[in-house]
């Protein structure tokens, strides 16, 4: 499953221009490389993405990915995997005696 992470600027943000600059920077190859080095995660939508290379390699072996762009999230009303995440939170928050 490929899930996209979206970012935006709140209407009430006191520094909209600074926030926009940050978002613009995060979409650059340089910032994506830093993300990859620190979290092993980057955006497959940015040219040269390491994630794209991994997806391409897996697809060449027959793996089929399901992509969940924002229109799907908006139509379905929840992020894919949301039920799984909720169940994991329940398990993690359950106190064992």
N, C-alpha and C. Protein backbone atom coordinates (compact mmCIF):
# COMPACT_ATOMS: atom_id res chain seq x y z
N UNK A 1 0.85 -1.16 0.00
CA UNK A 1 0.00 0.00 0.00
C UNK A 1 0.90 1.23 0.00
N UNK A 2 0.59 2.17 -0.84
CA UNK A 2 1.31 3.44 -0.88
C UNK A 2 0.35 4.51 -0.39
N UNK A 3 0.72 5.14 0.72
CA UNK A 3 -0.09 6.21 1.30
C UNK A 3 0.72 7.49 1.23
N UNK A 4 0.08 8.53 0.80
CA UNK A 4 0.75 9.82 0.66
C UNK A 4 0.53 10.65 1.92
N UNK A 5 1.54 11.39 2.32
CA UNK A 5 1.45 12.28 3.47
C UNK A 5 1.24 13.69 2.93
N UNK A 6 0.21 14.33 3.43
CA UNK A 6 -0.13 15.67 2.96
C UNK A 6 0.21 16.69 4.02
N UNK A 7 0.59 17.87 3.58
CA UNK A 7 0.90 18.96 4.49
C UNK A 7 0.16 20.20 4.03
N UNK A 8 -0.15 21.03 4.96
CA UNK A 8 -0.85 22.27 4.65
C UNK A 8 -0.53 23.32 5.68
N UNK A 9 -1.04 24.50 5.44
CA UNK A 9 -0.81 25.62 6.35
C UNK A 9 -2.16 26.00 6.94
N UNK A 10 -2.29 25.95 8.26
CA UNK A 10 -3.55 26.34 8.89
C UNK A 10 -3.92 27.79 8.57
N UNK A 11 -5.20 28.05 8.42
CA UNK A 11 -5.66 29.41 8.16
C UNK A 11 -5.24 30.36 9.27
N UNK A 12 -5.11 29.83 10.47
CA UNK A 12 -4.78 30.68 11.62
C UNK A 12 -3.27 30.79 11.86
N UNK A 13 -2.48 30.25 10.98
CA UNK A 13 -1.02 30.30 11.15
C UNK A 13 -0.53 31.74 11.20
N UNK A 14 0.26 32.09 12.22
CA UNK A 14 0.75 33.47 12.31
C UNK A 14 1.88 33.77 11.32
N UNK A 15 2.49 32.72 10.74
CA UNK A 15 3.63 32.93 9.84
C UNK A 15 3.44 32.11 8.57
N UNK A 16 2.41 32.46 7.80
CA UNK A 16 2.06 31.69 6.60
C UNK A 16 3.19 31.65 5.58
N UNK A 17 3.87 32.75 5.39
CA UNK A 17 4.96 32.80 4.40
C UNK A 17 6.10 31.87 4.81
N UNK A 18 6.44 31.87 6.09
CA UNK A 18 7.51 30.97 6.57
C UNK A 18 7.08 29.52 6.42
N UNK A 19 5.84 29.24 6.73
CA UNK A 19 5.33 27.87 6.60
C UNK A 19 5.37 27.42 5.14
N UNK A 20 5.00 28.32 4.23
CA UNK A 20 5.03 27.98 2.80
C UNK A 20 6.45 27.71 2.33
N UNK A 21 7.40 28.50 2.82
CA UNK A 21 8.80 28.26 2.47
C UNK A 21 9.25 26.89 2.96
N UNK A 22 8.84 26.52 4.17
CA UNK A 22 9.20 25.21 4.71
C UNK A 22 8.61 24.09 3.85
N UNK A 23 7.33 24.21 3.50
CA UNK A 23 6.70 23.19 2.66
C UNK A 23 7.39 23.10 1.31
N UNK A 24 7.72 24.24 0.73
CA UNK A 24 8.43 24.24 -0.56
C UNK A 24 9.77 23.52 -0.42
N UNK A 25 10.50 23.82 0.66
CA UNK A 25 11.79 23.18 0.88
C UNK A 25 11.65 21.67 1.03
N UNK A 26 10.64 21.23 1.78
CA UNK A 26 10.47 19.80 2.04
C UNK A 26 10.20 19.00 0.76
N UNK A 27 9.81 19.68 -0.30
CA UNK A 27 9.57 19.00 -1.56
C UNK A 27 10.79 18.99 -2.47
N UNK A 28 11.91 19.51 -1.98
CA UNK A 28 13.13 19.52 -2.80
C UNK A 28 13.87 18.20 -2.67
N UNK A 29 14.70 17.91 -3.63
CA UNK A 29 15.52 16.71 -3.60
C UNK A 29 16.40 16.69 -2.34
N UNK A 30 16.98 17.83 -1.98
CA UNK A 30 17.86 17.91 -0.82
C UNK A 30 17.13 17.50 0.45
N UNK A 31 15.95 18.07 0.68
CA UNK A 31 15.19 17.72 1.89
C UNK A 31 14.76 16.26 1.86
N UNK A 32 14.39 15.77 0.70
CA UNK A 32 13.99 14.37 0.58
C UNK A 32 15.16 13.44 0.89
N UNK A 33 16.36 13.83 0.48
CA UNK A 33 17.56 13.04 0.80
C UNK A 33 17.81 13.00 2.30
N UNK A 34 17.58 14.13 2.97
CA UNK A 34 17.74 14.16 4.43
C UNK A 34 16.71 13.24 5.08
N UNK A 35 15.47 13.29 4.61
CA UNK A 35 14.44 12.39 5.14
C UNK A 35 14.84 10.93 4.98
N UNK A 36 15.39 10.61 3.81
CA UNK A 36 15.80 9.23 3.56
C UNK A 36 16.93 8.82 4.51
N UNK A 37 17.90 9.70 4.68
CA UNK A 37 19.04 9.39 5.55
C UNK A 37 18.63 9.22 7.01
N UNK A 38 17.63 9.99 7.46
CA UNK A 38 17.25 9.96 8.87
C UNK A 38 16.11 9.00 9.18
N UNK A 39 15.19 8.81 8.23
CA UNK A 39 13.99 8.02 8.53
C UNK A 39 13.72 6.90 7.53
N UNK A 40 14.57 6.78 6.52
CA UNK A 40 14.37 5.80 5.45
C UNK A 40 12.98 5.94 4.84
N UNK A 41 12.63 7.21 4.59
CA UNK A 41 11.33 7.53 4.02
C UNK A 41 11.49 8.78 3.18
N UNK A 42 10.90 8.77 2.01
CA UNK A 42 10.83 9.96 1.18
C UNK A 42 9.60 9.85 0.30
N UNK A 43 9.35 10.87 -0.49
CA UNK A 43 8.14 10.89 -1.31
C UNK A 43 8.40 10.31 -2.69
N UNK A 44 7.57 9.36 -3.07
CA UNK A 44 7.68 8.79 -4.41
C UNK A 44 7.25 9.79 -5.48
N UNK A 45 6.70 10.92 -5.06
CA UNK A 45 6.27 11.95 -6.01
C UNK A 45 7.38 12.92 -6.38
N UNK A 46 8.53 12.83 -5.68
CA UNK A 46 9.67 13.70 -5.97
C UNK A 46 10.67 12.92 -6.81
N UNK A 47 11.09 13.51 -7.93
CA UNK A 47 12.01 12.84 -8.85
C UNK A 47 13.27 12.38 -8.12
N UNK A 48 13.69 11.15 -8.40
CA UNK A 48 14.88 10.59 -7.78
C UNK A 48 14.63 9.92 -6.45
N UNK A 49 13.37 9.73 -6.12
CA UNK A 49 13.00 9.16 -4.83
C UNK A 49 13.53 7.74 -4.64
N UNK A 50 14.05 7.49 -3.44
CA UNK A 50 14.47 6.13 -3.09
C UNK A 50 13.26 5.20 -2.98
N UNK A 51 12.15 5.73 -2.49
CA UNK A 51 10.93 4.95 -2.37
C UNK A 51 10.45 4.48 -3.74
N UNK A 52 10.54 5.36 -4.74
CA UNK A 52 10.14 4.97 -6.09
C UNK A 52 10.99 3.81 -6.58
N UNK A 53 12.27 3.84 -6.30
CA UNK A 53 13.15 2.74 -6.71
C UNK A 53 12.72 1.43 -6.05
N UNK A 54 12.36 1.49 -4.77
CA UNK A 54 11.89 0.28 -4.06
C UNK A 54 10.58 -0.22 -4.64
N UNK A 55 9.67 0.69 -4.93
CA UNK A 55 8.39 0.31 -5.52
C UNK A 55 8.61 -0.32 -6.89
N UNK A 56 9.43 0.32 -7.71
CA UNK A 56 9.71 -0.21 -9.05
C UNK A 56 10.32 -1.61 -8.99
N UNK A 57 11.24 -1.81 -8.06
CA UNK A 57 11.88 -3.11 -7.91
C UNK A 57 10.85 -4.18 -7.51
N UNK A 58 10.01 -3.84 -6.56
CA UNK A 58 8.99 -4.80 -6.11
C UNK A 58 7.99 -5.08 -7.23
N UNK A 59 7.60 -4.06 -7.98
CA UNK A 59 6.64 -4.26 -9.07
C UNK A 59 7.24 -5.11 -10.18
N UNK A 60 8.55 -5.02 -10.38
CA UNK A 60 9.19 -5.84 -11.41
C UNK A 60 9.14 -7.32 -11.05
N UNK A 61 8.98 -7.61 -9.75
CA UNK A 61 8.84 -8.99 -9.29
C UNK A 61 7.39 -9.44 -9.20
N UNK A 62 6.47 -8.56 -9.64
CA UNK A 62 5.05 -8.93 -9.66
C UNK A 62 4.22 -8.38 -8.51
N UNK A 63 4.84 -7.66 -7.59
CA UNK A 63 4.08 -7.07 -6.50
C UNK A 63 3.17 -5.98 -7.04
N UNK A 64 1.94 -5.95 -6.56
CA UNK A 64 0.98 -4.92 -6.95
C UNK A 64 0.75 -4.01 -5.75
N UNK A 65 0.92 -2.73 -5.95
CA UNK A 65 0.69 -1.75 -4.89
C UNK A 65 -0.65 -1.09 -5.08
N UNK A 66 -1.28 -0.75 -3.99
CA UNK A 66 -2.51 0.03 -4.01
C UNK A 66 -2.11 1.44 -3.58
N UNK A 67 -2.45 2.41 -4.39
CA UNK A 67 -2.12 3.81 -4.09
C UNK A 67 -3.36 4.49 -3.52
N UNK A 68 -3.16 5.27 -2.49
CA UNK A 68 -4.26 5.98 -1.85
C UNK A 68 -4.01 7.49 -1.90
N UNK A 69 -4.29 8.10 -3.04
CA UNK A 69 -4.15 9.56 -3.13
C UNK A 69 -5.29 10.26 -2.39
N UNK A 70 -5.18 11.55 -2.23
CA UNK A 70 -6.13 12.31 -1.41
C UNK A 70 -7.57 12.15 -1.87
N UNK A 71 -7.83 12.02 -3.17
CA UNK A 71 -9.22 11.88 -3.59
C UNK A 71 -9.86 10.62 -3.01
N UNK A 72 -9.08 9.56 -2.84
CA UNK A 72 -9.59 8.33 -2.23
C UNK A 72 -9.87 8.57 -0.74
N UNK A 73 -8.96 9.24 -0.07
CA UNK A 73 -9.13 9.53 1.35
C UNK A 73 -10.38 10.38 1.56
N UNK A 74 -10.54 11.40 0.73
CA UNK A 74 -11.71 12.26 0.86
C UNK A 74 -13.00 11.50 0.57
N UNK A 75 -12.98 10.66 -0.43
CA UNK A 75 -14.17 9.89 -0.80
C UNK A 75 -14.54 8.89 0.29
N UNK A 76 -13.53 8.20 0.85
CA UNK A 76 -13.78 7.17 1.85
C UNK A 76 -13.96 7.75 3.26
N UNK A 77 -13.45 8.94 3.48
CA UNK A 77 -13.61 9.60 4.77
C UNK A 77 -12.58 9.21 5.81
N UNK A 78 -11.73 8.24 5.53
CA UNK A 78 -10.69 7.84 6.47
C UNK A 78 -9.43 7.47 5.68
N UNK A 79 -8.31 7.54 6.37
CA UNK A 79 -7.07 7.09 5.76
C UNK A 79 -7.08 5.57 5.70
N UNK A 80 -6.54 4.97 4.64
CA UNK A 80 -6.41 3.52 4.60
C UNK A 80 -5.59 3.05 5.80
N UNK A 81 -6.00 1.95 6.35
CA UNK A 81 -5.28 1.41 7.49
C UNK A 81 -5.71 2.01 8.81
N UNK A 82 -6.65 2.94 8.77
CA UNK A 82 -7.09 3.62 9.98
C UNK A 82 -7.63 2.63 11.02
N UNK A 83 -8.39 1.64 10.58
CA UNK A 83 -8.92 0.64 11.51
C UNK A 83 -7.79 -0.13 12.19
N UNK A 84 -6.77 -0.48 11.42
CA UNK A 84 -5.61 -1.18 11.98
C UNK A 84 -4.93 -0.31 13.03
N UNK A 85 -4.71 0.97 12.69
CA UNK A 85 -4.05 1.87 13.63
C UNK A 85 -4.87 2.03 14.91
N UNK A 86 -6.19 2.14 14.77
CA UNK A 86 -7.04 2.26 15.95
C UNK A 86 -6.93 1.02 16.83
N UNK A 87 -6.92 -0.14 16.22
CA UNK A 87 -6.82 -1.39 16.98
C UNK A 87 -5.46 -1.48 17.68
N UNK A 88 -4.41 -1.06 17.01
CA UNK A 88 -3.08 -1.07 17.62
C UNK A 88 -3.05 -0.14 18.83
N UNK A 89 -3.67 1.02 18.71
CA UNK A 89 -3.73 1.94 19.84
C UNK A 89 -4.49 1.34 21.01
N UNK A 90 -5.58 0.65 20.72
CA UNK A 90 -6.34 -0.03 21.78
C UNK A 90 -5.47 -1.05 22.50
N UNK A 91 -4.74 -1.83 21.72
CA UNK A 91 -3.87 -2.86 22.31
C UNK A 91 -2.78 -2.21 23.16
N UNK A 92 -2.15 -1.17 22.61
CA UNK A 92 -1.06 -0.52 23.33
C UNK A 92 -1.53 0.22 24.58
N UNK A 93 -2.77 0.68 24.57
CA UNK A 93 -3.29 1.44 25.71
C UNK A 93 -3.98 0.57 26.75
N UNK A 94 -4.10 -0.72 26.48
CA UNK A 94 -4.73 -1.63 27.43
C UNK A 94 -3.73 -1.98 28.51
N UNK A 95 -4.14 -1.76 29.75
CA UNK A 95 -3.27 -2.03 30.89
C UNK A 95 -3.43 -3.51 31.25
N UNK A 96 -2.29 -4.21 31.30
CA UNK A 96 -2.30 -5.61 31.68
C UNK A 96 -1.97 -5.73 33.17
N UNK A 97 -2.74 -6.50 33.90
CA UNK A 97 -2.46 -6.70 35.33
C UNK A 97 -1.60 -7.93 35.53
